[in-house]
Amino acid sequence: MYSNAATIQRFAASFSLIDCERVAYSFRLDQPSLAALVQMTPLTWGAAPQQLAQAHELEGGEISVEFTVLVGRK
């Protein structure tokens, strides 16, 4: 499971943390949008060509997005 603890710690070393907001949502992607997402995500950069081909053959689907917005002051 991914942890952004190191990112938050690095941010806090340079800024006073004012607020931290978690954002999460899901939405459907059609096949062309899913193919574009596969090409741009770092998680697939080391994937084997066969794995990428399989991902490009997917019809689309629902994806979930979750991130944390850090607000700070110098």
N, C-alpha and C. Protein backbone atom coordinates (compact mmCIF):
# COMPACT_ATOMS: atom_id res chain seq x y z
N MET A 1 0.84 -1.18 0.00
CA MET A 1 0.00 0.00 0.00
C MET A 1 0.88 1.24 0.00
N TYR A 2 0.49 2.24 -0.78
CA TYR A 2 1.26 3.47 -0.90
C TYR A 2 1.10 4.33 0.35
N SER A 3 2.17 4.95 0.76
CA SER A 3 2.14 5.90 1.87
C SER A 3 2.82 7.18 1.42
N ASN A 4 2.18 8.31 1.69
CA ASN A 4 2.79 9.59 1.33
C ASN A 4 3.42 10.27 2.55
N ALA A 5 3.71 9.50 3.58
CA ALA A 5 4.29 10.04 4.81
C ALA A 5 5.61 10.77 4.54
N ALA A 6 6.44 10.22 3.67
CA ALA A 6 7.73 10.85 3.37
C ALA A 6 7.52 12.19 2.64
N THR A 7 6.53 12.26 1.78
CA THR A 7 6.22 13.50 1.07
C THR A 7 5.73 14.57 2.04
N ILE A 8 4.85 14.19 2.94
CA ILE A 8 4.34 15.14 3.94
C ILE A 8 5.47 15.61 4.84
N GLN A 9 6.36 14.71 5.22
CA GLN A 9 7.50 15.07 6.07
C GLN A 9 8.43 16.05 5.35
N ARG A 10 8.67 15.81 4.07
CA ARG A 10 9.53 16.71 3.30
C ARG A 10 8.87 18.08 3.14
N PHE A 11 7.57 18.09 2.90
CA PHE A 11 6.83 19.35 2.80
C PHE A 11 6.94 20.13 4.11
N ALA A 12 6.74 19.42 5.23
CA ALA A 12 6.77 20.06 6.55
C ALA A 12 8.16 20.60 6.89
N ALA A 13 9.20 20.06 6.27
CA ALA A 13 10.56 20.56 6.52
C ALA A 13 10.77 21.93 5.88
N SER A 14 9.99 22.28 4.85
CA SER A 14 10.17 23.54 4.15
C SER A 14 9.04 24.54 4.39
N PHE A 15 7.90 24.06 4.85
CA PHE A 15 6.73 24.92 5.01
C PHE A 15 6.05 24.64 6.34
N SER A 16 5.33 25.65 6.84
CA SER A 16 4.45 25.43 7.98
C SER A 16 3.15 24.86 7.43
N LEU A 17 2.79 23.68 7.85
CA LEU A 17 1.59 23.04 7.36
C LEU A 17 0.37 23.73 7.95
N ILE A 18 -0.45 24.31 7.08
CA ILE A 18 -1.65 25.02 7.51
C ILE A 18 -2.88 24.12 7.45
N ASP A 19 -2.96 23.34 6.40
CA ASP A 19 -4.12 22.47 6.23
C ASP A 19 -3.74 21.26 5.39
N CYS A 20 -4.49 20.22 5.56
CA CYS A 20 -4.27 18.96 4.83
C CYS A 20 -5.65 18.42 4.50
N GLU A 21 -5.94 18.28 3.23
CA GLU A 21 -7.27 17.85 2.79
C GLU A 21 -7.16 16.60 1.92
N ARG A 22 -7.89 15.56 2.28
CA ARG A 22 -7.93 14.33 1.49
C ARG A 22 -9.05 14.47 0.46
N VAL A 23 -8.74 14.15 -0.79
CA VAL A 23 -9.71 14.20 -1.88
C VAL A 23 -9.78 12.80 -2.49
N ALA A 24 -10.99 12.30 -2.66
CA ALA A 24 -11.17 10.97 -3.24
C ALA A 24 -12.45 10.95 -4.06
N TYR A 25 -12.38 10.34 -5.23
CA TYR A 25 -13.56 10.18 -6.07
C TYR A 25 -13.32 9.08 -7.09
N SER A 26 -14.39 8.62 -7.71
CA SER A 26 -14.32 7.58 -8.74
C SER A 26 -15.05 8.08 -9.98
N PHE A 27 -14.63 7.59 -11.14
CA PHE A 27 -15.33 7.93 -12.38
C PHE A 27 -15.02 6.88 -13.45
N ARG A 28 -15.85 6.84 -14.47
CA ARG A 28 -15.67 5.89 -15.57
C ARG A 28 -14.78 6.50 -16.64
N LEU A 29 -13.95 5.65 -17.22
CA LEU A 29 -13.11 6.04 -18.36
C LEU A 29 -13.50 5.17 -19.55
N ASP A 30 -13.61 5.80 -20.72
CA ASP A 30 -13.81 5.01 -21.94
C ASP A 30 -12.46 4.44 -22.37
N GLN A 31 -12.45 3.59 -23.38
CA GLN A 31 -11.22 2.90 -23.79
C GLN A 31 -10.11 3.87 -24.20
N PRO A 32 -10.38 4.90 -25.03
CA PRO A 32 -9.27 5.82 -25.38
C PRO A 32 -8.69 6.55 -24.17
N SER A 33 -9.54 6.94 -23.24
CA SER A 33 -9.05 7.65 -22.04
C SER A 33 -8.25 6.71 -21.15
N LEU A 34 -8.69 5.45 -21.04
CA LEU A 34 -7.94 4.48 -20.25
C LEU A 34 -6.58 4.21 -20.87
N ALA A 35 -6.52 4.11 -22.20
CA ALA A 35 -5.25 3.89 -22.89
C ALA A 35 -4.29 5.06 -22.63
N ALA A 36 -4.82 6.29 -22.64
CA ALA A 36 -3.98 7.47 -22.36
C ALA A 36 -3.48 7.44 -20.92
N LEU A 37 -4.34 7.07 -19.99
CA LEU A 37 -3.94 6.98 -18.59
C LEU A 37 -2.83 5.96 -18.39
N VAL A 38 -2.97 4.81 -19.05
CA VAL A 38 -1.95 3.76 -18.95
C VAL A 38 -0.59 4.28 -19.44
N GLN A 39 -0.59 5.06 -20.49
CA GLN A 39 0.67 5.59 -21.02
C GLN A 39 1.33 6.61 -20.10
N MET A 40 0.53 7.36 -19.35
CA MET A 40 1.12 8.44 -18.56
C MET A 40 1.39 8.10 -17.10
N THR A 41 0.87 6.98 -16.60
CA THR A 41 1.08 6.67 -15.20
C THR A 41 2.46 6.02 -14.96
N PRO A 42 3.19 6.50 -13.97
CA PRO A 42 4.50 5.91 -13.68
C PRO A 42 4.43 4.45 -13.27
N LEU A 43 3.28 3.99 -12.81
CA LEU A 43 3.16 2.60 -12.39
C LEU A 43 3.33 1.63 -13.55
N THR A 44 3.14 2.08 -14.79
CA THR A 44 3.28 1.19 -15.94
C THR A 44 4.58 1.39 -16.71
N TRP A 45 5.39 2.35 -16.32
CA TRP A 45 6.61 2.63 -17.07
C TRP A 45 7.56 1.45 -17.11
N GLY A 46 7.56 0.61 -16.10
CA GLY A 46 8.44 -0.55 -16.08
C GLY A 46 7.74 -1.84 -16.48
N ALA A 47 6.52 -1.72 -16.99
CA ALA A 47 5.75 -2.92 -17.34
C ALA A 47 6.27 -3.56 -18.62
N ALA A 48 6.09 -4.87 -18.70
CA ALA A 48 6.49 -5.61 -19.89
C ALA A 48 5.54 -5.25 -21.04
N PRO A 49 6.02 -5.31 -22.29
CA PRO A 49 5.17 -4.98 -23.44
C PRO A 49 3.86 -5.78 -23.46
N GLN A 50 3.90 -7.04 -23.05
CA GLN A 50 2.69 -7.86 -23.03
C GLN A 50 1.67 -7.30 -22.03
N GLN A 51 2.15 -6.84 -20.89
CA GLN A 51 1.25 -6.27 -19.89
C GLN A 51 0.62 -4.97 -20.41
N LEU A 52 1.40 -4.15 -21.09
CA LEU A 52 0.87 -2.92 -21.66
C LEU A 52 -0.17 -3.22 -22.74
N ALA A 53 0.09 -4.22 -23.56
CA ALA A 53 -0.86 -4.60 -24.60
C ALA A 53 -2.17 -5.05 -23.98
N GLN A 54 -2.11 -5.81 -22.90
CA GLN A 54 -3.33 -6.25 -22.22
C GLN A 54 -4.11 -5.06 -21.67
N ALA A 55 -3.41 -4.10 -21.11
CA ALA A 55 -4.07 -2.91 -20.57
C ALA A 55 -4.75 -2.11 -21.68
N HIS A 56 -4.11 -2.04 -22.84
CA HIS A 56 -4.69 -1.27 -23.96
C HIS A 56 -5.90 -1.97 -24.56
N GLU A 57 -6.05 -3.27 -24.32
CA GLU A 57 -7.20 -4.01 -24.84
C GLU A 57 -8.43 -3.91 -23.94
N LEU A 58 -8.26 -3.37 -22.75
CA LEU A 58 -9.40 -3.23 -21.84
C LEU A 58 -10.44 -2.29 -22.44
N GLU A 59 -11.69 -2.56 -22.17
CA GLU A 59 -12.80 -1.77 -22.72
C GLU A 59 -12.98 -0.44 -22.00
N GLY A 60 -12.32 -0.22 -20.93
CA GLY A 60 -12.54 0.95 -20.09
C GLY A 60 -12.98 0.46 -18.73
N GLY A 61 -13.40 1.35 -17.91
CA GLY A 61 -13.86 0.93 -16.59
C GLY A 61 -13.83 2.08 -15.62
N GLU A 62 -14.15 1.75 -14.39
CA GLU A 62 -14.19 2.76 -13.34
C GLU A 62 -12.84 2.80 -12.63
N ILE A 63 -12.35 3.99 -12.39
CA ILE A 63 -11.11 4.14 -11.63
C ILE A 63 -11.38 5.01 -10.41
N SER A 64 -10.57 4.83 -9.40
CA SER A 64 -10.66 5.62 -8.18
C SER A 64 -9.41 6.47 -8.07
N VAL A 65 -9.61 7.70 -7.65
CA VAL A 65 -8.52 8.66 -7.48
C VAL A 65 -8.53 9.10 -6.02
N GLU A 66 -7.35 9.12 -5.41
CA GLU A 66 -7.25 9.59 -4.04
C GLU A 66 -5.93 10.32 -3.88
N PHE A 67 -6.00 11.53 -3.35
CA PHE A 67 -4.78 12.28 -3.10
C PHE A 67 -4.99 13.23 -1.93
N THR A 68 -3.90 13.79 -1.46
CA THR A 68 -3.93 14.72 -0.33
C THR A 68 -3.40 16.06 -0.80
N VAL A 69 -4.15 17.11 -0.52
CA VAL A 69 -3.73 18.48 -0.85
C VAL A 69 -3.12 19.07 0.42
N LEU A 70 -1.86 19.48 0.32
CA LEU A 70 -1.16 20.10 1.44
C LEU A 70 -1.13 21.61 1.23
N VAL A 71 -1.52 22.36 2.24
CA VAL A 71 -1.48 23.82 2.17
C VAL A 71 -0.46 24.28 3.20
N GLY A 72 0.50 25.07 2.74
CA GLY A 72 1.55 25.51 3.65
C GLY A 72 1.91 26.97 3.47
N ARG A 73 2.68 27.45 4.40
CA ARG A 73 3.17 28.83 4.35
C ARG A 73 4.66 28.81 4.61
N LYS A 74 5.40 29.56 3.83
CA LYS A 74 6.86 29.63 3.96
C LYS A 74 7.22 30.42 5.19
